[in-house]
């Protein structure tokens, strides 16, 4: 057997049915679409709902907004501070211990207890965390954010700052 002897099995390849080629014979005139009606005419988009208000217009869009002044803090609780065992803590020390990510803004929260005097430098503190650290004889230092205060001035404040 050679390459030019190969051919498909008999009856496996059938010719495409050509419809709509005159009124004589099967598949003529209406070409299998029935008579009249929307489906007998042109194509209908898949999203078309028969004149009803379609889903893509019923669904609300562009709701809410993204606050451009939002600051994402990485939370650190007092129990983690107690466990790390340092006397002076800042974001670089916390990063080296694997407690915060690189370049993260750290906020110390008040879960847990702290029993020794620790100097803590972070970007923000909760009131309970600050009170617990100072009560244990430690001190807190708020680090400034690198861009300062990005919030717009308060409304009505533009007249008083002349």
Foldseek 3Di string as FASTA:
>chain_A
DDPVPDDDDPPPDDDDDDAQPDDDDPRHDQNPQDDDDDSSDDDDDPQDDPPPDTPVVVDDPDPDDDDPQDADADEDEPVNVQVVPDQEDEPVSCVVVVNDPPPGQYEYEYPDAHQAAHEYEGQYYDPNNQVRNVVNVYHYHHDADPVHRPDDDDPPCVVVPD
